[in-house]
Protein backbone atom coordinates (compact mmCIF):
# COMPACT_ATOMS: atom_id res chain seq x y z
CA MET A 1 -0.30 71.63 -52.23
CA SER A 2 0.91 68.45 -53.96
CA SER A 3 -0.78 65.11 -53.36
CA ARG A 4 2.45 63.77 -51.83
CA ARG A 5 2.58 66.57 -49.28
CA LYS A 6 -1.10 66.10 -48.43
CA ILE A 7 -0.50 62.41 -47.76
CA ILE A 8 2.43 63.23 -45.46
CA VAL A 9 0.26 65.74 -43.56
CA LEU A 10 -2.43 63.07 -43.14
CA ILE A 11 0.16 60.55 -41.89
CA THR A 12 1.46 63.13 -39.42
CA CYS A 13 -2.01 63.82 -38.05
CA CYS A 14 -2.76 60.11 -37.82
CA LEU A 15 0.46 59.51 -35.85
CA SER A 16 -0.74 61.98 -33.23
CA LEU A 17 -4.11 60.25 -33.10
CA LEU A 18 -2.43 56.86 -32.81
CA ILE A 19 -0.47 57.72 -29.65
CA SER A 20 -3.19 59.73 -27.91
CA SER A 21 -5.93 57.16 -28.55
CA MET A 22 -3.76 54.13 -27.87
CA ASP A 23 -2.64 55.64 -24.57
CA SER A 24 -6.23 55.56 -23.34
CA THR A 25 -6.25 51.73 -23.53
CA ILE A 26 -2.62 50.54 -23.47
CA VAL A 27 -2.16 51.59 -19.84
CA ASN A 28 -4.94 49.27 -18.63
CA VAL A 29 -2.78 46.19 -19.26
CA ALA A 30 0.04 47.76 -17.22
CA ILE A 31 -2.17 48.50 -14.18
CA PRO A 32 -1.65 45.16 -12.37
CA THR A 33 2.15 45.37 -12.87
CA ILE A 34 2.23 48.95 -11.62
CA ARG A 35 0.16 47.87 -8.62
CA SER A 36 2.69 45.17 -7.80
CA ASP A 37 5.78 47.35 -8.33
CA MET A 38 4.51 50.37 -6.41
CA SER A 39 2.22 48.67 -3.87
CA ALA A 40 -0.49 51.11 -4.94
CA PRO A 41 -4.09 51.03 -3.63
CA LEU A 42 -6.94 50.57 -6.09
CA SER A 43 -8.00 54.24 -5.97
CA ARG A 44 -4.55 55.41 -7.11
CA LEU A 45 -4.61 52.89 -9.97
CA GLN A 46 -7.97 54.29 -11.08
CA TRP A 47 -6.51 57.80 -11.11
CA ILE A 48 -3.75 56.68 -13.49
CA VAL A 49 -6.47 56.16 -16.11
CA ASP A 50 -8.97 58.81 -15.04
CA ILE A 51 -6.58 61.76 -14.68
CA TYR A 52 -5.74 61.25 -18.36
CA THR A 53 -9.28 60.90 -19.68
CA LEU A 54 -10.70 63.67 -17.47
CA THR A 55 -7.99 66.13 -18.52
CA LEU A 56 -8.63 65.27 -22.17
CA ALA A 57 -12.36 65.80 -21.67
CA SER A 58 -11.74 69.11 -19.91
CA LEU A 59 -9.37 70.62 -22.46
CA LEU A 60 -10.38 69.23 -25.87
CA MET A 61 -12.64 72.13 -26.81
CA LEU A 62 -10.36 74.77 -25.30
CA SER A 63 -7.39 73.43 -27.26
CA GLY A 64 -9.34 73.60 -30.51
CA ALA A 65 -10.38 77.19 -29.88
CA THR A 66 -6.84 78.18 -28.87
CA ALA A 67 -5.39 76.67 -32.04
CA ASP A 68 -7.94 78.51 -34.20
CA ARG A 69 -6.81 81.76 -32.58
CA PHE A 70 -3.02 81.35 -32.28
CA GLY A 71 -2.17 78.95 -35.09
CA ARG A 72 -2.86 75.25 -35.57
CA LYS A 73 0.68 74.20 -36.52
CA ARG A 74 2.16 76.07 -33.56
CA MET A 75 -0.24 74.54 -31.02
CA PHE A 76 0.08 71.09 -32.61
CA ARG A 77 3.87 71.16 -32.14
CA ILE A 78 3.43 72.31 -28.55
CA GLY A 79 1.00 69.45 -27.97
CA LEU A 80 3.42 66.86 -29.36
CA SER A 81 6.26 68.23 -27.22
CA VAL A 82 4.19 68.27 -24.01
CA PHE A 83 2.85 64.77 -24.71
CA ALA A 84 6.40 63.47 -25.23
CA LEU A 85 7.57 65.17 -22.02
CA GLY A 86 4.66 63.69 -20.08
CA SER A 87 5.38 60.22 -21.50
CA LEU A 88 9.05 60.48 -20.48
CA LEU A 89 8.10 61.60 -16.97
CA CYS A 90 5.64 58.69 -16.70
CA SER A 91 8.38 56.20 -17.52
CA LEU A 92 10.68 57.75 -14.89
CA ALA A 93 8.06 58.13 -12.14
CA PRO A 94 9.37 56.72 -8.82
CA THR A 95 6.01 56.79 -6.98
CA ILE A 96 2.36 56.34 -7.84
CA GLU A 97 1.64 60.01 -7.07
CA SER A 98 4.36 61.22 -9.43
CA LEU A 99 3.04 58.86 -12.11
CA ILE A 100 -0.43 60.37 -11.77
CA GLY A 101 1.08 63.87 -12.04
CA ALA A 102 3.02 62.87 -15.16
CA ARG A 103 -0.18 61.45 -16.70
CA PHE A 104 -1.78 64.85 -16.12
CA ILE A 105 1.03 66.55 -18.07
CA GLN A 106 0.74 63.91 -20.79
CA ALA A 107 -3.00 64.54 -21.11
CA ILE A 108 -2.49 68.31 -21.47
CA GLY A 109 -0.40 67.56 -24.54
CA GLY A 110 -2.86 64.92 -25.73
CA SER A 111 -5.74 67.39 -25.61
CA MET A 112 -3.91 69.50 -28.23
CA LEU A 113 -3.49 66.63 -30.69
CA ASN A 114 -6.84 65.21 -31.86
CA PRO A 115 -8.96 68.37 -32.30
CA ILE A 116 -6.10 70.33 -33.87
CA ALA A 117 -5.12 67.46 -36.17
CA MET A 118 -8.71 67.25 -37.41
CA SER A 119 -8.69 71.02 -38.05
CA ILE A 120 -5.45 70.66 -40.03
CA ILE A 121 -6.97 67.86 -42.12
CA THR A 122 -10.05 69.94 -42.98
CA GLN A 123 -7.81 72.86 -43.99
CA VAL A 124 -5.51 70.75 -46.18
CA PHE A 125 -8.10 68.47 -47.79
CA THR A 126 -10.55 70.96 -49.28
CA GLY A 127 -12.21 68.81 -51.94
CA ARG A 128 -15.36 66.98 -50.90
CA MET A 129 -14.20 63.51 -51.94
CA GLU A 130 -10.60 63.83 -50.79
CA ARG A 131 -11.74 65.16 -47.43
CA ALA A 132 -14.16 62.24 -47.06
CA ARG A 133 -11.33 59.78 -47.78
CA ALA A 134 -9.00 61.54 -45.32
CA VAL A 135 -11.63 61.51 -42.57
CA GLY A 136 -12.27 57.84 -43.33
CA VAL A 137 -8.58 57.06 -42.79
CA TRP A 138 -8.71 59.10 -39.59
CA GLY A 139 -11.68 57.10 -38.32
CA ALA A 140 -9.93 53.83 -39.14
CA VAL A 141 -6.90 54.88 -37.08
CA VAL A 142 -9.21 55.57 -34.11
CA GLY A 143 -10.49 52.00 -34.24
CA VAL A 144 -7.05 50.47 -34.82
CA SER A 145 -5.33 52.43 -32.04
CA THR A 146 -8.05 51.70 -29.48
CA ALA A 147 -8.14 48.01 -30.37
CA ILE A 148 -4.40 47.27 -30.54
CA GLY A 149 -3.51 49.17 -27.35
CA PRO A 150 -3.93 46.21 -24.95
CA MET A 151 -2.08 43.80 -27.27
CA VAL A 152 0.85 46.15 -27.86
CA GLY A 153 0.96 46.92 -24.16
CA GLY A 154 1.04 43.25 -23.19
CA GLY A 155 4.02 42.50 -25.42
CA LEU A 156 5.97 45.55 -24.28
CA ILE A 157 5.36 44.95 -20.56
CA ASP A 158 6.53 41.34 -20.66
CA ALA A 159 9.64 42.26 -22.65
CA LEU A 160 10.68 45.61 -21.15
CA GLY A 161 8.49 46.40 -18.12
CA TRP A 162 5.51 48.70 -17.63
CA GLN A 163 7.61 51.80 -18.36
CA SER A 164 7.82 50.72 -22.00
CA VAL A 165 4.15 51.55 -22.65
CA PHE A 166 5.24 55.18 -22.31
CA TRP A 167 8.58 54.84 -24.13
CA ILE A 168 6.77 53.84 -27.33
CA ASN A 169 5.34 57.38 -27.57
CA LEU A 170 8.74 59.09 -27.73
CA PRO A 171 9.94 58.04 -31.23
CA ILE A 172 6.44 58.53 -32.66
CA CYS A 173 6.29 62.06 -31.21
CA ALA A 174 9.76 62.81 -32.59
CA ILE A 175 8.79 61.67 -36.10
CA ALA A 176 5.51 63.62 -35.97
CA LEU A 177 7.36 66.78 -34.80
CA VAL A 178 9.83 66.62 -37.69
CA LEU A 179 7.08 65.99 -40.25
CA THR A 180 4.95 68.80 -38.80
CA THR A 181 7.83 71.28 -38.95
CA ILE A 182 8.61 70.45 -42.60
CA PHE A 183 5.27 69.68 -44.20
CA VAL A 184 2.29 71.01 -42.20
CA PRO A 185 1.24 74.55 -43.20
CA GLU A 186 0.35 77.13 -40.58
CA SER A 187 -3.30 78.18 -40.47
CA LYS A 188 -5.66 80.17 -38.29
CA SER A 189 -9.41 80.67 -38.26
CA SER A 190 -10.65 83.85 -39.91
CA THR A 191 -13.29 84.08 -37.18
CA ALA A 192 -11.63 82.69 -34.05
CA ARG A 193 -13.99 81.24 -31.49
CA GLY A 194 -14.35 83.01 -28.19
CA ILE A 195 -12.96 81.52 -24.99
CA ASP A 196 -15.25 81.07 -22.01
CA PRO A 197 -12.97 80.69 -18.93
CA VAL A 198 -15.83 80.59 -16.41
CA GLY A 199 -17.67 77.85 -18.30
CA GLN A 200 -14.40 75.94 -18.77
CA ILE A 201 -13.57 76.03 -15.05
CA LEU A 202 -17.10 75.06 -14.00
CA ALA A 203 -17.16 72.15 -16.46
CA ILE A 204 -13.86 70.89 -15.05
CA ALA A 205 -15.28 71.23 -11.53
CA VAL A 206 -18.35 69.16 -12.44
CA MET A 207 -16.34 66.32 -13.97
CA PHE A 208 -13.54 66.12 -11.42
CA THR A 209 -15.75 66.35 -8.32
CA LEU A 210 -18.08 63.65 -9.67
CA VAL A 211 -15.26 61.22 -10.42
CA PHE A 212 -13.42 62.12 -7.21
CA GLY A 213 -16.54 61.32 -5.18
CA LEU A 214 -16.87 57.94 -6.88
CA ILE A 215 -13.21 56.90 -6.65
CA GLU A 216 -12.51 58.19 -3.14
CA HIS A 217 -15.97 57.21 -1.79
CA ARG A 218 -16.83 60.77 -0.73
CA PRO A 219 -20.61 61.20 -1.12
CA ALA A 220 -20.41 64.79 0.18
CA MET A 221 -18.48 65.68 -2.97
CA PHE A 222 -21.61 65.09 -5.05
CA ALA A 223 -23.14 68.21 -3.45
CA VAL A 224 -20.23 70.20 -4.87
CA THR A 225 -20.89 68.56 -8.24
CA ALA A 226 -24.54 69.64 -8.13
CA VAL A 227 -23.65 73.24 -7.25
CA ALA A 228 -20.99 73.38 -9.97
CA LEU A 229 -23.45 71.95 -12.52
CA ALA A 230 -26.12 74.51 -11.63
CA ALA A 231 -23.59 77.33 -11.88
CA PHE A 232 -22.36 75.96 -15.22
CA LEU A 233 -25.88 75.86 -16.70
CA TYR A 234 -26.58 79.40 -15.44
CA ALA A 235 -23.33 80.79 -16.84
CA GLU A 236 -23.54 79.06 -20.21
CA ALA A 237 -27.12 80.17 -20.81
CA ARG A 238 -26.00 83.81 -20.51
CA HIS A 239 -22.60 83.78 -22.22
CA ARG A 240 -22.33 85.21 -25.74
CA SER A 241 -19.77 82.58 -26.80
CA PRO A 242 -20.31 79.69 -24.37
CA PHE A 243 -17.98 76.77 -23.76
CA ILE A 244 -20.90 74.52 -24.75
CA ASP A 245 -23.93 75.94 -26.55
CA LEU A 246 -26.80 74.57 -24.46
CA ARG A 247 -29.17 75.00 -27.39
CA PHE A 248 -27.57 71.89 -28.91
CA PHE A 249 -29.31 69.80 -26.26
CA ARG A 250 -32.75 70.84 -27.51
CA SER A 251 -32.06 68.41 -30.34
CA VAL A 252 -33.05 64.95 -29.12
CA PRO A 253 -30.64 63.17 -31.52
CA PHE A 254 -27.75 65.31 -30.22
CA SER A 255 -28.67 64.71 -26.57
CA ALA A 256 -29.07 61.00 -27.26
CA ALA A 257 -25.67 60.87 -28.97
CA THR A 258 -24.06 62.53 -25.94
CA LEU A 259 -25.67 60.08 -23.49
CA THR A 260 -24.88 57.13 -25.78
CA ALA A 261 -21.21 58.15 -25.84
CA VAL A 262 -21.13 58.30 -22.04
CA CYS A 263 -22.86 54.90 -21.68
CA ALA A 264 -20.81 53.09 -24.33
CA PHE A 265 -17.46 54.41 -23.18
CA ALA A 266 -18.31 53.85 -19.51
CA GLY A 267 -18.74 50.23 -20.54
CA LEU A 268 -15.39 50.27 -22.36
CA GLY A 269 -13.52 51.92 -19.47
CA ALA A 270 -14.88 49.50 -16.89
CA PHE A 271 -14.43 46.49 -19.17
CA LEU A 272 -10.74 47.17 -19.93
CA PHE A 273 -9.83 48.08 -16.36
CA GLU A 274 -11.68 45.24 -14.62
CA ALA A 275 -10.78 42.60 -17.22
CA SER A 276 -7.06 43.41 -16.90
CA MET A 277 -7.26 43.15 -13.11
CA TYR A 278 -9.15 39.85 -13.40
CA LEU A 279 -6.88 38.23 -15.99
CA GLN A 280 -3.62 39.17 -14.26
CA GLY A 281 -4.74 39.34 -10.64
CA ILE A 282 -7.12 36.37 -10.36
CA ARG A 283 -6.12 34.16 -13.30
CA HIS A 284 -2.42 35.10 -12.93
CA TYR A 285 -1.90 35.44 -16.67
CA SER A 286 1.10 37.34 -17.99
CA ALA A 287 0.69 40.77 -19.58
CA VAL A 288 1.29 39.36 -23.06
CA HIS A 289 -1.26 36.56 -22.46
CA THR A 290 -3.74 39.21 -21.30
CA GLY A 291 -3.10 41.25 -24.43
CA LEU A 292 -3.72 38.21 -26.64
CA LEU A 293 -7.05 37.53 -24.95
CA TYR A 294 -8.13 41.02 -26.05
CA LEU A 295 -7.53 39.97 -29.67
CA PRO A 296 -11.15 38.81 -30.32
CA MET A 297 -12.42 42.17 -29.11
CA ALA A 298 -9.86 44.04 -31.24
CA LEU A 299 -10.75 42.09 -34.39
CA ALA A 300 -14.46 42.63 -33.79
CA VAL A 301 -13.91 46.40 -33.43
CA LEU A 302 -11.80 46.55 -36.60
CA ILE A 303 -14.39 44.64 -38.63
CA CYS A 304 -17.55 46.22 -37.24
CA SER A 305 -16.47 49.88 -37.23
CA PRO A 306 -16.44 50.33 -41.04
CA LEU A 307 -19.48 48.07 -41.46
CA SER A 308 -21.41 50.22 -38.99
CA GLY A 309 -20.45 53.34 -40.93
CA ARG A 310 -21.94 51.85 -44.10
CA LEU A 311 -25.08 50.75 -42.26
CA VAL A 312 -25.58 54.23 -40.84
CA GLY A 313 -25.20 55.75 -44.30
CA GLN A 314 -27.75 53.36 -45.78
CA TYR A 315 -30.29 52.79 -43.01
CA GLY A 316 -29.75 55.61 -40.51
CA THR A 317 -28.52 55.38 -36.93
CA ARG A 318 -31.25 53.26 -35.32
CA PRO A 319 -30.15 49.74 -36.44
CA SER A 320 -26.53 50.30 -35.43
CA MET A 321 -27.36 51.85 -32.04
CA VAL A 322 -29.88 49.14 -31.16
CA ALA A 323 -27.51 46.35 -32.24
CA ALA A 324 -24.62 47.92 -30.32
CA GLY A 325 -26.66 48.24 -27.14
CA ILE A 326 -27.90 44.65 -27.33
CA MET A 327 -24.42 43.20 -27.90
CA MET A 328 -22.72 45.22 -25.15
CA THR A 329 -25.52 44.35 -22.72
CA CYS A 330 -25.24 40.65 -23.56
CA ALA A 331 -21.49 40.79 -22.92
CA ALA A 332 -22.00 42.51 -19.56
CA VAL A 333 -24.58 39.88 -18.52
CA LEU A 334 -22.21 37.06 -19.49
CA LEU A 335 -19.48 38.68 -17.38
CA THR A 336 -21.67 38.50 -14.25
CA GLY A 337 -20.73 34.82 -14.05
CA LEU A 338 -16.99 35.50 -14.24
CA GLY A 339 -14.93 33.39 -11.83
CA PRO A 340 -11.45 31.91 -11.29
CA SER A 341 -12.31 28.85 -13.40
CA THR A 342 -14.34 30.44 -16.19
CA PRO A 343 -13.47 28.56 -19.44
CA ILE A 344 -11.20 30.40 -21.86
CA TRP A 345 -13.62 29.81 -24.75
CA ARG A 346 -16.30 31.68 -22.81
CA LEU A 347 -13.97 34.62 -22.25
CA ILE A 348 -13.11 34.71 -25.95
CA VAL A 349 -16.77 34.67 -26.99
CA THR A 350 -17.70 37.33 -24.42
CA PHE A 351 -14.83 39.61 -25.43
CA ALA A 352 -15.80 39.22 -29.10
CA ILE A 353 -19.45 40.08 -28.37
CA PHE A 354 -18.36 43.19 -26.48
CA GLY A 355 -16.11 44.18 -29.39
CA ILE A 356 -18.96 43.81 -31.88
CA GLY A 357 -21.13 46.12 -29.79
CA PHE A 358 -18.41 48.70 -29.19
CA GLY A 359 -17.28 48.63 -32.81
CA THR A 360 -20.84 49.26 -33.97
CA VAL A 361 -21.62 52.21 -31.68
CA ASN A 362 -19.10 54.86 -32.75
CA ALA A 363 -20.45 55.71 -36.20
CA PRO A 364 -24.02 56.45 -35.03
CA ILE A 365 -22.71 58.56 -32.12
CA THR A 366 -20.86 60.96 -34.43
CA THR A 367 -23.64 60.96 -37.02
CA SER A 368 -26.38 61.73 -34.49
CA ALA A 369 -24.27 64.46 -32.88
CA VAL A 370 -23.84 66.47 -36.09
CA SER A 371 -27.13 65.52 -37.73
CA GLY A 372 -29.06 68.61 -38.72
CA MET A 373 -26.52 71.05 -37.25
CA PRO A 374 -25.47 74.03 -39.38
CA ASN A 375 -22.09 73.38 -41.02
CA ASP A 376 -20.31 75.96 -38.90
CA ARG A 377 -21.60 74.26 -35.72
CA ALA A 378 -20.98 70.63 -36.74
CA GLY A 379 -17.40 70.75 -35.45
CA ALA A 380 -18.48 72.05 -32.04
CA ALA A 381 -21.23 69.40 -31.83
CA SER A 382 -18.75 66.65 -32.71
CA ALA A 383 -16.33 68.00 -30.05
CA VAL A 384 -19.03 67.64 -27.38
CA ALA A 385 -19.50 64.00 -28.42
CA SER A 386 -15.72 63.44 -28.19
CA THR A 387 -15.68 65.00 -24.73
CA SER A 388 -18.56 62.73 -23.69
CA ARG A 389 -16.53 59.69 -24.73
CA GLN A 390 -13.71 60.64 -22.36
CA VAL A 391 -16.17 61.40 -19.55
CA GLY A 392 -17.69 57.95 -20.08
CA VAL A 393 -14.33 56.18 -19.75
CA SER A 394 -13.63 58.12 -16.54
CA LEU A 395 -16.97 57.16 -15.02
CA GLY A 396 -16.57 53.51 -16.02
CA VAL A 397 -13.16 53.25 -14.35
CA ALA A 398 -14.49 55.07 -11.27
CA LEU A 399 -17.29 52.50 -10.94
CA CYS A 400 -14.71 49.71 -10.72
CA GLY A 401 -13.76 50.87 -7.23
CA LEU A 402 -17.31 51.49 -6.10
CA LEU A 403 -18.65 48.11 -7.26
CA THR A 404 -17.08 44.68 -7.50
CA GLY A 405 -17.80 41.31 -9.05
CA ALA A 406 -21.22 40.60 -10.51
CA GLY A 407 -22.64 43.84 -9.08
CA LEU A 408 -20.38 45.90 -11.38
CA TRP A 409 -21.36 43.93 -14.47
CA TRP A 410 -25.09 44.13 -13.72
CA VAL A 411 -24.83 47.92 -13.38
CA LEU A 412 -22.93 48.09 -16.68
CA ALA A 413 -25.58 45.89 -18.29
CA ALA A 414 -28.20 48.42 -17.22
CA ILE A 415 -26.08 51.31 -18.52
CA THR A 416 -25.43 49.73 -21.92
CA ALA A 417 -29.09 48.70 -22.24
CA MET A 418 -29.89 52.41 -22.24
CA ILE A 419 -28.18 52.61 -25.65
CA VAL A 420 -31.05 50.56 -27.12
CA LEU A 421 -33.64 52.95 -25.68
CA LEU A 422 -31.67 55.98 -26.87
CA GLY A 423 -31.33 54.49 -30.36
CA VAL A 424 -35.10 54.10 -30.69
CA THR A 425 -35.96 57.43 -29.06
CA SER A 426 -33.48 59.52 -31.05
CA THR A 427 -34.91 58.35 -34.39
CA SER A 428 -38.57 58.88 -33.59
CA GLY A 429 -40.64 61.49 -35.38
CA TRP A 430 -40.70 64.02 -32.54
CA ALA A 431 -36.94 63.62 -32.09
CA LEU A 432 -36.31 64.47 -35.72
CA ARG A 433 -38.61 67.48 -35.44
CA SER A 434 -36.63 68.70 -32.43
CA ARG A 435 -33.45 68.41 -34.49
CA ASP A 436 -34.90 70.50 -37.30
CA GLY A 437 -36.05 73.10 -34.77
CA VAL A 438 -32.55 73.46 -33.34
CA ALA A 439 -31.02 73.85 -36.81
CA HIS A 440 -33.44 76.72 -37.44
CA LEU A 441 -32.75 78.22 -34.01
CA LEU A 442 -28.98 78.23 -34.49
CA GLY A 443 -29.26 80.10 -37.76
CA PRO A 444 -30.52 79.85 -41.33
CA ARG A 445 -27.25 78.32 -42.55
CA GLU A 446 -26.82 75.23 -44.66
CA ALA A 447 -27.45 72.15 -42.50
CA ALA A 448 -24.85 69.43 -42.22
CA ASP A 449 -25.44 66.86 -44.95
CA VAL A 450 -25.78 63.85 -42.68
CA ARG A 451 -28.71 61.45 -42.56
């Protein structure tokens, strides 16, 4: 394959990542406008965000396995088409319930984009250095799309209305579909992963019942969550090709990476949702003004993400995880004093501090998740970390209805402070020994070359 064609394939994959990642954050700026237009209660607004992230979390691993079995190009095109259809339905939704349903359809398509696009990249870029460069570009797009979402959303909403945050996906999907059809080669896995329907269904039950109980204030639902979790652990421990290999969690660095992802992205989900409601609902700023106030956070993420990657490569994961936890906790503590007359300079500083912490945390999460895993299991371990990110966002948004004001920010400060503890624990001697033990347990294959 020529270098030109490889570059076009990479651009195509990055376009899919751009829309699916940006959609996780761009909608937050539209929430207050949707609330006003549709007279929607807070719980329904939370579901607009959470139905998307929960569906992504539920289907990411299944979509990857399905693409390996039936063809990556085929499933990638289906994902783009479904995502475009869901986006169109979102923009046409007449009621809050129909909007939530359209977001569900959109997320089904979105779940087919990121894991399959990464599989396509690894198939096309076979050389060690060229693959590293391609994955580096991919990682940069993650940071850019997450950071610019609120700013792009603010400009679109003020100019064209909240429906425009979904319209923007349609031309990008169309371009990606054409490029995929012409340039992306079809590929399948020579050893397709098995599909575990029971584990898949039980995992979905655990996540949805937990978030449903939090959003709808139904404590009895947590009993269902506990039963579903117990059944999931029982089933996965006995399945020959489980949805999630529970042996991964015997590695302390892997378990710490999973918990860190949940904590960090719970902070992100709550921060974006609550800050948008505060800026537009209490301060009465326009959507574009709200988007501009997210600029310090966006710049901090863009600057700190690559710097953190270099730090992890040179010094390991501990410095980045500890620094990220401290910065996010400081931001949450500063937000406890948020009020109608909080000075703008304080908001800017707080948003920048949060962005520094969030921008620093992603690289050590991925590195810790795959550290020491055999090469043929590194992808599955990374997928669990990606799923944990989406679960974290869902839980963070759910907390916004359960807690309000300073109480919410103090709880988030406690959650993000756990990142510091996890960063220290996961790099201790006994943690590293547990990682080596899991690598041996999973098989005598070549371990992933990650510090």
